[in-house]
Amino acid sequence: MTRRRSSLWQPKNRRRSHDFASKNGCPRIRAAAGVDREECGFSLSAITTHVLDTYRGQPASGVPIVLEVRSDLGEWKEMGKGTTDSDGRAKMLPPNTRVARGTYRLVFDTAAYFRAWNLEGFYPEVVIVLELRFPSQQYPLPLLLSLFSYSTYRGS
């Protein structure tokens, strides 16, 4: 038996409902529709990552990451570095950092992460190279990590 909600249905927790529907006063629908993220108070940089340990079934905290950009001469220059937090996310660049078109590289020190768990992984380092064509867009790059495999994709 399904319950029908009346058109006058109100959430039990108005505060939580409001937080879900907006972020920093900017409705999520407006942000998704292309409203400038700075106007809405978003503070993400263009390139972000999230590491999930599929072996343990948890976010991978403590993974050292380096973000580099390729110069016109083909050399890699460090732009930022960081370590994943308890949620598996890393802040490698200051908020609202603008990045230019170009080729970027994320280097994940997976050996250090697995050593911290007394495990031996097959890949001591994971390198993701990407071409950033539209600098105004966000580029979330999740990494799914296991002892003998890894996978990545462009998130949303």
Protein backbone atom coordinates (compact mmCIF):
# COMPACT_ATOMS: atom_id res chain seq x y z
CA MET A 1 0.00 0.00 0.00
CA THR A 2 1.47 3.36 -1.00
CA ARG A 3 0.96 6.52 0.98
CA ARG A 4 -0.32 9.53 -0.81
CA ARG A 5 1.00 12.92 0.14
CA SER A 6 -1.30 15.86 -0.02
CA SER A 7 -0.28 18.99 -1.86
CA LEU A 8 0.02 20.64 1.55
CA TRP A 9 2.77 18.24 2.68
CA GLN A 10 5.43 19.97 4.72
CA PRO A 11 8.82 18.51 5.68
CA LYS A 12 9.17 17.49 9.32
CA ASN A 13 12.49 19.28 9.65
CA ARG A 14 12.27 22.63 7.87
CA ARG A 15 15.89 23.56 8.63
CA ARG A 16 17.29 20.37 7.09
CA SER A 17 14.95 20.71 4.13
CA HIS A 18 16.16 24.29 3.57
CA ASP A 19 19.82 23.24 3.79
CA PHE A 20 19.20 20.54 1.20
CA ALA A 21 17.42 22.90 -1.17
CA SER A 22 20.02 25.65 -1.03
CA LYS A 23 23.68 26.08 -0.41
CA ASN A 24 24.96 29.35 1.00
CA GLY A 25 21.68 30.99 0.04
CA CYS A 26 21.87 29.90 -3.60
CA PRO A 27 19.32 27.31 -4.69
CA ARG A 28 20.96 24.22 -6.15
CA ILE A 29 18.74 24.49 -9.21
CA ARG A 30 20.18 27.94 -9.97
CA ALA A 31 23.73 26.64 -9.58
CA ALA A 32 23.02 23.71 -11.88
CA ALA A 33 21.46 26.07 -14.42
CA GLY A 34 24.76 27.89 -14.90
CA VAL A 35 24.57 30.73 -12.38
CA ASP A 36 28.06 31.98 -11.58
CA ARG A 37 29.34 29.84 -8.71
CA GLU A 38 31.06 32.79 -7.03
CA GLU A 39 27.75 34.67 -6.91
CA CYS A 40 26.28 31.70 -5.06
CA GLY A 41 29.18 31.41 -2.63
CA PHE A 42 30.69 28.22 -4.02
CA SER A 43 34.38 27.92 -3.26
CA LEU A 44 35.54 24.97 -5.33
CA SER A 45 38.58 25.17 -7.55
CA ALA A 46 38.23 23.90 -11.11
CA ILE A 47 40.12 20.62 -10.56
CA THR A 48 39.07 18.51 -7.58
CA THR A 49 39.38 14.86 -6.63
CA HIS A 50 37.77 12.31 -4.38
CA VAL A 51 39.48 8.98 -3.59
CA LEU A 52 37.45 5.93 -2.58
CA ASP A 53 39.12 2.76 -1.33
CA THR A 54 37.00 0.01 -2.88
CA TYR A 55 39.04 -2.68 -1.07
CA ARG A 56 38.03 -1.35 2.36
CA GLY A 57 34.73 0.15 1.23
CA GLN A 58 35.55 3.60 2.65
CA PRO A 59 36.89 6.98 1.56
CA ALA A 60 40.67 6.87 1.29
CA SER A 61 42.04 9.37 3.82
CA GLY A 62 45.70 10.32 3.86
CA VAL A 63 46.53 9.90 0.15
CA PRO A 64 49.20 12.45 -0.88
CA ILE A 65 48.34 14.11 -4.22
CA VAL A 66 50.28 16.51 -6.45
CA LEU A 67 48.65 18.62 -9.18
CA GLU A 68 50.92 19.65 -12.05
CA VAL A 69 50.52 21.57 -15.29
CA ARG A 70 52.52 20.96 -18.47
CA SER A 71 54.43 24.00 -19.71
CA ASP A 72 54.85 25.00 -23.36
CA LEU A 73 58.24 23.27 -23.24
CA GLY A 74 56.63 20.00 -22.14
CA GLU A 75 57.93 20.13 -18.57
CA TRP A 76 55.64 19.50 -15.59
CA LYS A 77 55.31 22.31 -13.05
CA GLU A 78 53.72 21.78 -9.63
CA MET A 79 50.58 23.86 -9.11
CA GLY A 80 49.50 22.49 -5.78
CA LYS A 81 49.52 19.52 -3.49
CA GLY A 82 47.45 18.12 -0.72
CA THR A 83 46.35 15.05 1.18
CA THR A 84 42.90 13.52 1.20
CA ASP A 85 40.81 14.22 4.29
CA SER A 86 38.59 11.79 6.22
CA ASP A 87 36.00 12.03 3.44
CA GLY A 88 38.60 11.15 0.76
CA ARG A 89 38.62 14.68 -0.70
CA ALA A 90 41.70 16.80 -1.31
CA LYS A 91 42.13 20.54 -1.59
CA MET A 92 45.13 21.06 -3.83
CA LEU A 93 44.35 24.63 -4.88
CA PRO A 94 42.99 27.59 -2.93
CA PRO A 95 39.23 28.18 -3.36
CA ASN A 96 38.15 29.91 -6.60
CA THR A 97 41.57 29.40 -8.19
CA ARG A 98 41.31 29.99 -11.92
CA VAL A 99 43.05 27.56 -14.22
CA ALA A 100 43.85 28.03 -17.91
CA ARG A 101 43.35 25.69 -20.83
CA GLY A 102 46.07 23.11 -20.89
CA THR A 103 47.24 19.67 -19.87
CA TYR A 104 47.22 18.78 -16.20
CA ARG A 105 48.42 15.80 -14.21
CA LEU A 106 47.30 14.42 -10.86
CA VAL A 107 49.83 12.13 -9.14
CA PHE A 108 48.46 9.98 -6.29
CA ASP A 109 51.03 8.42 -3.93
CA THR A 110 49.14 5.19 -3.37
CA ALA A 111 52.19 3.40 -1.91
CA ALA A 112 52.18 5.77 1.08
CA TYR A 113 48.45 5.20 1.57
CA PHE A 114 48.69 1.40 1.49
CA ARG A 115 51.78 1.41 3.75
CA ALA A 116 49.74 3.28 6.36
CA TRP A 117 47.28 0.35 6.35
CA ASN A 118 50.07 -2.29 6.35
CA LEU A 119 49.02 -3.40 2.87
CA GLU A 120 50.97 -3.90 -0.34
CA GLY A 121 49.31 -2.43 -3.39
CA PHE A 122 50.26 -3.34 -6.94
CA TYR A 123 50.39 0.29 -8.17
CA PRO A 124 52.73 2.46 -6.08
CA GLU A 125 51.49 5.56 -7.87
CA VAL A 126 48.47 6.50 -9.97
CA VAL A 127 48.92 9.22 -12.58
CA ILE A 128 45.95 10.85 -14.29
CA VAL A 129 46.66 13.19 -17.20
CA LEU A 130 43.79 15.32 -18.47
CA GLU A 131 43.28 18.05 -21.01
CA LEU A 132 41.31 20.96 -19.63
CA ARG A 133 39.52 22.59 -22.57
CA PHE A 134 36.89 24.71 -20.83
CA PRO A 135 38.43 26.48 -17.80
CA SER A 136 35.09 27.85 -16.60
CA GLN A 137 33.79 24.32 -15.92
CA GLN A 138 34.41 22.14 -12.88
CA TYR A 139 36.56 19.03 -13.33
CA PRO A 140 35.87 16.59 -10.46
CA LEU A 141 38.05 13.50 -10.93
CA PRO A 142 37.14 10.64 -8.60
CA LEU A 143 39.61 7.79 -8.15
CA LEU A 144 38.34 4.34 -7.20
CA LEU A 145 41.29 2.53 -5.67
CA SER A 146 41.90 -1.11 -4.78
CA LEU A 147 45.01 -3.19 -4.09
CA PHE A 148 45.28 -4.47 -7.67
CA SER A 149 43.23 -2.01 -9.72
CA TYR A 150 42.07 1.55 -10.05
CA SER A 151 39.51 3.42 -12.11
CA THR A 152 38.76 7.05 -12.74
CA TYR A 153 36.22 9.15 -14.60
CA ARG A 154 35.08 12.72 -14.95
CA GLY A 155 32.53 13.31 -12.26
CA SER A 156 29.69 15.77 -12.26
